[in-house]
Amino acid sequence: MQQHMNADKDAMANEQCSKWQRLLVLFAAGDELDFVQESELAGHLANCSDCCSALDSETELLALLGEHRVEPDANLLASCRAGLEDCLDREEEGGWLRRKIGTLLPADWLSPRPAWSAAVLVLIGFSVGMFGPRFLRHPVAPPSAAKSAAASADSGNAWEPIVAPSPSPSSSTFDLHTADVAGINVFPADGNDPPQVELQMKTQQPVTVQGTVDDDNVKRVLLYVLRNNQRFDPDVRLNAVDLLRARSDDPEVRSALCRAVETDRNAAVRLKALDALNGTAPQDMVRKTLLDALQQDENPGVRVEAINSLRQMAQSGQIASDDHVLAVLRDRMDHDPNTYIRLQSAAAIRDLASR
């Protein structure tokens, strides 16, 4: 009988220990348990040597992790956050579409009536098959319209229609405002030659624009992508920035890159555009873009890239020590939440003062 009672007592003690040992890591971290749990656990530890040993192990492990903590790379963190924002945007758009469909075809109306549901779905499918192609069919512009569009492009309206080689032997005129970039393919060239670029355009008839970045048609499409970033996917915009980097000294390209830094909603695109501007000839527009990004951008990776570029320009004497530059640098030195940016801002002020 005594042995049976001792066995029951040991089982109860083990059950109590297993209950509290699950909370030991929270107790060791501090301020993770409520007051009642913390008091009860402290009382248990006062009478249990096994749990005290387990608590010592958890404390040593947390201390070891704290000593070897590594901050994530700012660029990687910015890219991950940007990808998450885009996924959430697409999910929100998809949820809006599902809600609209749900109002038209409520599930609680269809599911109890399978016969009526099947009849309605068959009717919808028949209607789409009969009348859908008529609504989706677009009239083809007559040759005179194509000639007038080409003439308007030659007269200086470069952002409306452009002429590009199509898969067929003839040329096709299309309007960038109604076209979409389905994909960008890059084929590396031998030696120092620029890579070949293939832009797949979605229009009334699919068109492929081919050439290098030095080709005006290719450059025009890539600039249009950056200037109308809300229309294109982040991958397309990233490829456009990467390709235009080779022509960053072109005033038109430099202006588009600055606009991407200021307006693009994707932090990875803004970061790559800043990187493409790095090393370009010093311009008031580039300096203003860097200062605005340092002061206003919410992404720490973008601000880090901006202060690095400004620090290089300060060390090489490419920017003057005027009141606006010093005011922005002092503001970041005092108020930026990122320690690296505060230190680099102070170093940039010293570089400007030494000159």
Protein backbone atom coordinates (compact mmCIF):
# COMPACT_ATOMS: atom_id res chain seq x y z
CA MET A 1 0.00 0.00 0.00
CA GLN A 2 2.81 2.41 0.93
CA GLN A 3 4.59 1.70 -2.35
CA HIS A 4 1.39 2.39 -4.27
CA MET A 5 0.94 5.72 -2.48
CA ASN A 6 4.55 6.66 -3.18
CA ALA A 7 4.10 5.83 -6.86
CA ASP A 8 1.00 8.04 -7.06
CA LYS A 9 2.85 10.84 -5.34
CA ASP A 10 5.78 10.57 -7.77
CA ALA A 11 3.38 10.58 -10.75
CA MET A 12 1.71 13.74 -9.47
CA ALA A 13 5.08 15.41 -8.93
CA ASN A 14 6.22 14.51 -12.44
CA GLU A 15 2.97 15.88 -13.86
CA GLN A 16 3.49 19.14 -11.99
CA CYS A 17 7.09 19.38 -13.21
CA SER A 18 6.15 18.76 -16.83
CA LYS A 19 3.48 21.48 -16.52
CA TRP A 20 5.91 24.08 -15.19
CA GLN A 21 8.91 23.11 -17.33
CA ARG A 22 6.99 24.20 -20.41
CA LEU A 23 6.94 27.72 -18.96
CA LEU A 24 10.54 27.85 -17.80
CA VAL A 25 11.81 29.47 -21.01
CA LEU A 26 9.21 32.26 -20.63
CA PHE A 27 10.14 32.69 -16.97
CA ALA A 28 13.83 32.94 -17.89
CA ALA A 29 13.11 35.55 -20.58
CA GLY A 30 11.42 37.80 -18.00
CA ASP A 31 8.11 39.69 -18.21
CA GLU A 32 6.57 36.91 -20.32
CA LEU A 33 4.25 35.40 -17.68
CA ASP A 34 1.40 37.05 -15.82
CA PHE A 35 1.71 37.74 -12.10
CA VAL A 36 -0.25 34.65 -10.97
CA GLN A 37 1.73 32.20 -13.13
CA GLU A 38 5.01 33.77 -12.11
CA SER A 39 4.15 33.52 -8.39
CA GLU A 40 3.05 29.89 -8.64
CA LEU A 41 6.13 28.92 -10.65
CA ALA A 42 8.41 30.65 -8.14
CA GLY A 43 6.79 28.66 -5.34
CA HIS A 44 7.30 25.42 -7.27
CA LEU A 45 10.97 26.24 -7.93
CA ALA A 46 11.56 26.74 -4.22
CA ASN A 47 10.79 23.03 -3.63
CA CYS A 48 11.94 21.36 -6.88
CA SER A 49 15.64 20.93 -7.63
CA ASP A 50 15.00 19.36 -11.05
CA CYS A 51 13.08 22.40 -12.29
CA CYS A 52 15.74 24.71 -10.82
CA SER A 53 18.39 22.90 -12.87
CA ALA A 54 16.22 23.15 -15.98
CA LEU A 55 15.77 26.89 -15.34
CA ASP A 56 19.55 27.35 -15.08
CA SER A 57 19.96 25.60 -18.45
CA GLU A 58 17.35 27.84 -20.08
CA THR A 59 19.02 30.96 -18.64
CA GLU A 60 22.44 29.91 -19.95
CA LEU A 61 20.97 29.18 -23.39
CA LEU A 62 19.29 32.61 -23.61
CA ALA A 63 22.53 34.31 -22.55
CA LEU A 64 24.46 32.39 -25.21
CA LEU A 65 21.95 33.34 -27.90
CA GLY A 66 22.12 36.96 -26.83
CA GLU A 67 25.91 37.02 -27.21
CA HIS A 68 25.79 35.62 -30.74
CA ARG A 69 22.77 37.53 -32.01
CA VAL A 70 23.16 38.62 -35.65
CA GLU A 71 21.03 41.37 -37.19
CA PRO A 72 19.48 40.43 -40.56
CA ASP A 73 20.84 42.07 -43.70
CA ALA A 74 18.98 45.33 -44.38
CA ASN A 75 18.65 44.67 -48.10
CA LEU A 76 17.29 41.16 -47.53
CA LEU A 77 14.87 42.47 -44.93
CA ALA A 78 13.69 45.22 -47.30
CA SER A 79 13.18 42.74 -50.13
CA CYS A 80 11.20 40.35 -47.91
CA ARG A 81 9.00 43.15 -46.62
CA ALA A 82 8.40 44.44 -50.15
CA GLY A 83 7.43 40.94 -51.33
CA LEU A 84 5.05 40.60 -48.38
CA GLU A 85 3.43 43.96 -49.18
CA ASP A 86 2.87 42.93 -52.80
CA CYS A 87 1.40 39.57 -51.73
CA LEU A 88 -0.96 41.32 -49.32
CA ASP A 89 -2.02 43.75 -52.05
CA ARG A 90 -2.78 40.89 -54.44
CA GLU A 91 -4.63 38.99 -51.69
CA GLU A 92 -6.73 42.07 -50.96
CA GLU A 93 -7.62 42.45 -54.64
CA GLY A 94 -8.50 38.74 -54.85
CA GLY A 95 -10.61 38.99 -51.73
CA TRP A 96 -12.54 41.90 -53.23
CA LEU A 97 -13.24 39.82 -56.36
CA ARG A 98 -14.38 36.83 -54.30
CA ARG A 99 -16.74 39.03 -52.31
CA LYS A 100 -18.26 40.40 -55.51
CA ILE A 101 -18.76 36.90 -56.88
CA GLY A 102 -20.19 35.83 -53.55
CA THR A 103 -22.83 38.54 -53.74
CA LEU A 104 -23.84 37.37 -57.21
CA LEU A 105 -23.71 33.63 -56.47
CA PRO A 106 -24.09 33.17 -52.69
CA ALA A 107 -22.95 29.76 -51.53
CA ASP A 108 -25.81 29.43 -49.07
CA TRP A 109 -28.25 29.71 -52.01
CA LEU A 110 -26.49 27.27 -54.33
CA SER A 111 -25.52 24.46 -51.95
CA PRO A 112 -29.02 23.42 -50.76
CA ARG A 113 -30.36 23.31 -54.33
CA PRO A 114 -27.98 21.19 -56.42
CA ALA A 115 -30.35 20.82 -59.39
CA TRP A 116 -30.98 24.57 -59.68
CA SER A 117 -27.28 25.26 -59.10
CA ALA A 118 -26.25 22.99 -61.96
CA ALA A 119 -28.83 24.60 -64.27
CA VAL A 120 -27.63 28.12 -63.44
CA LEU A 121 -23.97 27.21 -63.97
CA VAL A 122 -24.75 25.57 -67.33
CA LEU A 123 -26.68 28.67 -68.41
CA ILE A 124 -23.81 30.95 -67.39
CA GLY A 125 -21.27 28.80 -69.25
CA PHE A 126 -23.46 28.74 -72.38
CA SER A 127 -23.89 32.53 -72.28
CA VAL A 128 -20.16 33.17 -71.87
CA GLY A 129 -19.35 30.80 -74.73
CA MET A 130 -21.86 32.44 -77.06
CA PHE A 131 -21.47 36.13 -76.29
CA GLY A 132 -18.00 36.40 -74.72
CA PRO A 133 -15.99 36.38 -77.97
CA ARG A 134 -18.17 39.16 -79.39
CA PHE A 135 -17.41 41.46 -76.49
CA LEU A 136 -13.71 40.61 -76.44
CA ARG A 137 -13.19 41.09 -80.15
CA HIS A 138 -11.48 44.42 -80.94
CA PRO A 139 -11.57 46.11 -84.32
CA VAL A 140 -8.27 46.34 -86.14
CA ALA A 141 -7.14 49.87 -86.93
CA PRO A 142 -7.04 50.67 -90.65
CA PRO A 143 -3.71 51.38 -92.36
CA SER A 144 -4.42 55.11 -92.40
CA ALA A 145 -4.69 55.15 -88.60
CA ALA A 146 -1.36 53.34 -88.28
CA LYS A 147 0.29 55.87 -90.60
CA SER A 148 -1.09 58.83 -88.64
CA ALA A 149 0.08 57.24 -85.36
CA ALA A 150 3.58 56.76 -86.75
CA ALA A 151 3.57 60.36 -87.98
CA SER A 152 2.64 61.63 -84.52
CA ALA A 153 5.56 59.68 -83.02
CA ASP A 154 7.97 61.27 -85.53
CA SER A 155 6.61 64.72 -84.71
CA GLY A 156 7.81 64.43 -81.08
CA ASN A 157 5.08 62.55 -79.22
CA ALA A 158 7.49 59.76 -78.31
CA TRP A 159 5.43 58.23 -75.53
CA GLU A 160 2.33 57.29 -77.50
CA PRO A 161 2.97 54.70 -80.25
CA ILE A 162 6.35 53.20 -81.10
CA VAL A 163 7.37 51.02 -84.00
CA ALA A 164 9.01 47.74 -83.07
CA PRO A 165 9.78 44.50 -84.88
CA SER A 166 7.04 41.88 -84.51
CA PRO A 167 7.28 38.12 -84.97
CA SER A 168 6.03 38.63 -88.54
CA PRO A 169 8.29 40.22 -91.21
CA SER A 170 6.29 43.47 -91.19
CA SER A 171 6.38 46.14 -88.44
CA SER A 172 3.47 46.73 -86.06
CA THR A 173 2.52 50.01 -84.43
CA PHE A 174 1.19 49.82 -80.87
CA ASP A 175 0.28 52.23 -78.10
CA LEU A 176 2.18 51.94 -74.84
CA HIS A 177 -0.83 53.21 -72.90
CA THR A 178 -2.79 50.09 -73.83
CA ALA A 179 0.13 47.65 -74.05
CA ASP A 180 1.54 45.54 -71.25
CA VAL A 181 5.01 44.08 -70.73
CA ALA A 182 4.50 40.34 -70.40
CA GLY A 183 8.18 39.56 -69.78
CA ILE A 184 11.76 40.76 -70.14
CA ASN A 185 14.43 38.34 -71.36
CA VAL A 186 18.12 39.24 -71.24
CA PHE A 187 20.75 37.42 -73.31
CA PRO A 188 24.38 38.18 -72.31
CA ALA A 189 26.70 39.24 -75.13
CA ASP A 190 30.34 38.38 -75.67
CA GLY A 191 33.04 40.71 -74.42
CA ASN A 192 32.03 44.22 -73.40
CA ASP A 193 29.04 44.42 -75.73
CA PRO A 194 25.72 45.30 -74.06
CA PRO A 195 23.34 42.37 -73.54
CA GLN A 196 20.51 41.69 -75.94
CA VAL A 197 17.09 42.49 -74.53
CA GLU A 198 13.80 40.93 -75.60
CA LEU A 199 10.62 42.68 -74.42
CA GLN A 200 7.43 40.66 -74.90
CA MET A 201 4.51 43.08 -75.28
CA LYS A 202 0.84 42.23 -74.87
CA THR A 203 -1.22 44.19 -77.38
CA GLN A 204 -4.05 43.37 -79.78
CA GLN A 205 -1.39 41.34 -81.61
CA PRO A 206 1.60 40.17 -79.51
CA VAL A 207 4.75 42.17 -80.32
CA THR A 208 8.38 41.53 -79.39
CA VAL A 209 10.77 44.47 -79.03
CA GLN A 210 14.38 43.37 -79.44
CA GLY A 211 17.73 45.13 -79.20
CA THR A 212 20.18 46.45 -76.62
CA VAL A 213 19.62 49.14 -74.03
CA ASP A 214 21.24 51.55 -76.50
CA ASP A 215 18.31 50.93 -78.86
CA ASP A 216 15.77 53.77 -78.62
CA ASN A 217 12.75 51.44 -78.75
CA VAL A 218 14.06 49.30 -75.88
CA LYS A 219 14.99 52.34 -73.83
CA ARG A 220 11.57 53.91 -74.44
CA VAL A 221 9.70 50.86 -73.17
CA LEU A 222 11.92 50.52 -70.09
CA LEU A 223 11.47 54.20 -69.23
CA TYR A 224 7.73 53.86 -69.63
CA VAL A 225 7.76 50.95 -67.15
CA LEU A 226 9.49 53.09 -64.50
CA ARG A 227 7.34 56.16 -65.11
CA ASN A 228 4.14 54.12 -64.82
CA ASN A 229 5.19 51.73 -62.04
CA GLN A 230 1.61 51.16 -60.83
CA ARG A 231 0.84 49.24 -64.04
CA PHE A 232 3.64 46.67 -63.91
CA ASP A 233 4.74 43.88 -61.58
CA PRO A 234 7.74 44.39 -59.26
CA ASP A 235 9.85 41.84 -61.20
CA VAL A 236 9.35 43.79 -64.44
CA ARG A 237 10.28 47.06 -62.72
CA LEU A 238 13.37 45.51 -61.12
CA ASN A 239 14.53 44.22 -64.51
CA ALA A 240 13.94 47.63 -66.06
CA VAL A 241 16.07 49.35 -63.42
CA ASP A 242 18.80 46.75 -63.78
CA LEU A 243 18.96 47.21 -67.55
CA LEU A 244 18.88 51.02 -67.44
CA ARG A 245 21.79 51.09 -64.99
CA ALA A 246 24.18 50.98 -67.96
CA ARG A 247 22.71 54.29 -69.21
CA SER A 248 22.46 56.08 -65.86
CA ASP A 249 24.48 59.02 -67.23
CA ASP A 250 21.71 59.67 -69.74
CA PRO A 251 19.67 62.61 -68.32
CA GLU A 252 16.38 60.98 -69.30
CA VAL A 253 17.34 57.68 -67.63
CA ARG A 254 18.66 59.47 -64.55
CA SER A 255 15.37 61.35 -64.21
CA ALA A 256 13.38 58.09 -64.43
CA LEU A 257 15.59 56.43 -61.78
CA CYS A 258 15.10 59.39 -59.44
CA ARG A 259 11.36 59.16 -59.99
CA ALA A 260 11.44 55.44 -59.15
CA VAL A 261 13.22 56.22 -55.86
CA GLU A 262 10.59 58.81 -54.99
CA THR A 263 7.37 57.10 -56.11
CA ASP A 264 7.75 53.33 -56.48
CA ARG A 265 5.76 51.47 -53.81
CA ASN A 266 8.19 48.54 -53.72
CA ALA A 267 11.20 49.02 -51.43
CA ALA A 268 13.35 46.59 -53.44
CA VAL A 269 12.80 48.67 -56.61
CA ARG A 270 13.65 51.90 -54.75
CA LEU A 271 16.78 50.26 -53.36
CA LYS A 272 17.95 49.06 -56.78
CA ALA A 273 17.23 52.47 -58.32
CA LEU A 274 19.38 54.15 -55.66
CA ASP A 275 22.14 51.66 -56.37
CA ALA A 276 21.89 52.45 -60.10
CA LEU A 277 22.27 56.17 -59.35
CA ASN A 278 25.41 55.52 -57.31
CA GLY A 279 28.44 56.71 -59.26
CA THR A 280 26.56 58.94 -61.69
CA ALA A 281 27.75 62.46 -62.35
CA PRO A 282 26.75 64.67 -59.38
CA GLN A 283 23.53 66.52 -60.17
CA ASP A 284 21.22 68.62 -58.04
CA MET A 285 18.41 66.20 -58.91
CA VAL A 286 20.42 63.18 -57.71
CA ARG A 287 21.49 64.94 -54.52
CA LYS A 288 17.89 65.97 -53.77
CA THR A 289 16.69 62.39 -54.39
CA LEU A 290 19.29 60.99 -51.97
CA LEU A 291 18.47 63.54 -49.27
CA ASP A 292 14.71 62.99 -49.62
CA ALA A 293 15.15 59.20 -49.43
CA LEU A 294 17.34 59.53 -46.35
CA GLN A 295 14.86 61.79 -44.59
CA GLN A 296 11.47 60.42 -45.73
CA ASP A 297 11.72 56.77 -46.78
CA GLU A 298 10.24 54.40 -44.20
CA ASN A 299 12.43 51.46 -45.24
CA PRO A 300 15.76 51.26 -43.35
CA GLY A 301 17.51 49.51 -46.25
CA VAL A 302 16.69 52.40 -48.61
CA ARG A 303 17.90 54.94 -46.05
CA VAL A 304 21.13 52.97 -45.56
CA GLU A 305 21.79 53.01 -49.32
CA ALA A 306 21.05 56.76 -49.43
CA ILE A 307 23.44 57.65 -46.59
CA ASN A 308 26.17 55.42 -48.06
CA SER A 309 25.92 57.28 -51.40
CA LEU A 310 25.92 60.67 -49.65
CA ARG A 311 28.93 59.67 -47.55
CA GLN A 312 30.87 58.70 -50.70
CA MET A 313 29.95 61.98 -52.36
CA ALA A 314 31.02 63.91 -49.25
CA GLN A 315 34.38 62.11 -49.10
CA SER A 316 35.08 62.81 -52.77
CA GLY A 317 33.96 66.44 -52.60
CA GLN A 318 31.01 65.96 -54.96
CA ILE A 319 28.49 67.75 -52.72
CA ALA A 320 28.78 71.14 -51.08
CA SER A 321 28.26 71.78 -47.39
CA ASP A 322 25.14 73.93 -47.67
CA ASP A 323 22.49 74.52 -45.03
CA HIS A 324 19.97 72.02 -46.42
CA VAL A 325 22.45 69.13 -46.59
CA LEU A 326 23.69 69.78 -43.05
CA ALA A 327 20.14 70.13 -41.72
CA VAL A 328 19.11 66.74 -43.14
CA LEU A 329 22.26 65.02 -41.88
CA ARG A 330 21.90 66.52 -38.38
CA ASP A 331 18.24 65.49 -38.26
CA ARG A 332 19.15 61.88 -39.15
CA MET A 333 22.08 61.89 -36.73
CA ASP A 334 19.73 62.84 -33.89
CA HIS A 335 16.47 61.10 -34.77
CA ASP A 336 16.93 58.14 -37.12
CA PRO A 337 15.98 54.87 -35.38
CA ASN A 338 18.80 53.02 -37.18
CA THR A 339 22.14 53.21 -35.35
CA TYR A 340 24.20 52.75 -38.53
CA ILE A 341 22.43 55.68 -40.24
CA ARG A 342 23.00 57.93 -37.22
CA LEU A 343 26.72 57.11 -37.19
CA GLN A 344 27.12 57.54 -40.96
CA SER A 345 25.27 60.86 -40.85
CA ALA A 346 27.68 62.13 -38.19
CA ALA A 347 30.63 60.89 -40.27
CA ALA A 348 29.27 62.66 -43.38
CA ILE A 349 29.03 65.92 -41.41
CA ARG A 350 32.68 65.53 -40.37
CA ASP A 351 33.69 64.86 -44.00
CA LEU A 352 31.92 68.01 -45.15
CA ALA A 353 33.40 70.09 -42.33
CA SER A 354 36.94 68.96 -43.22
CA ARG A 355 36.48 70.35 -46.72
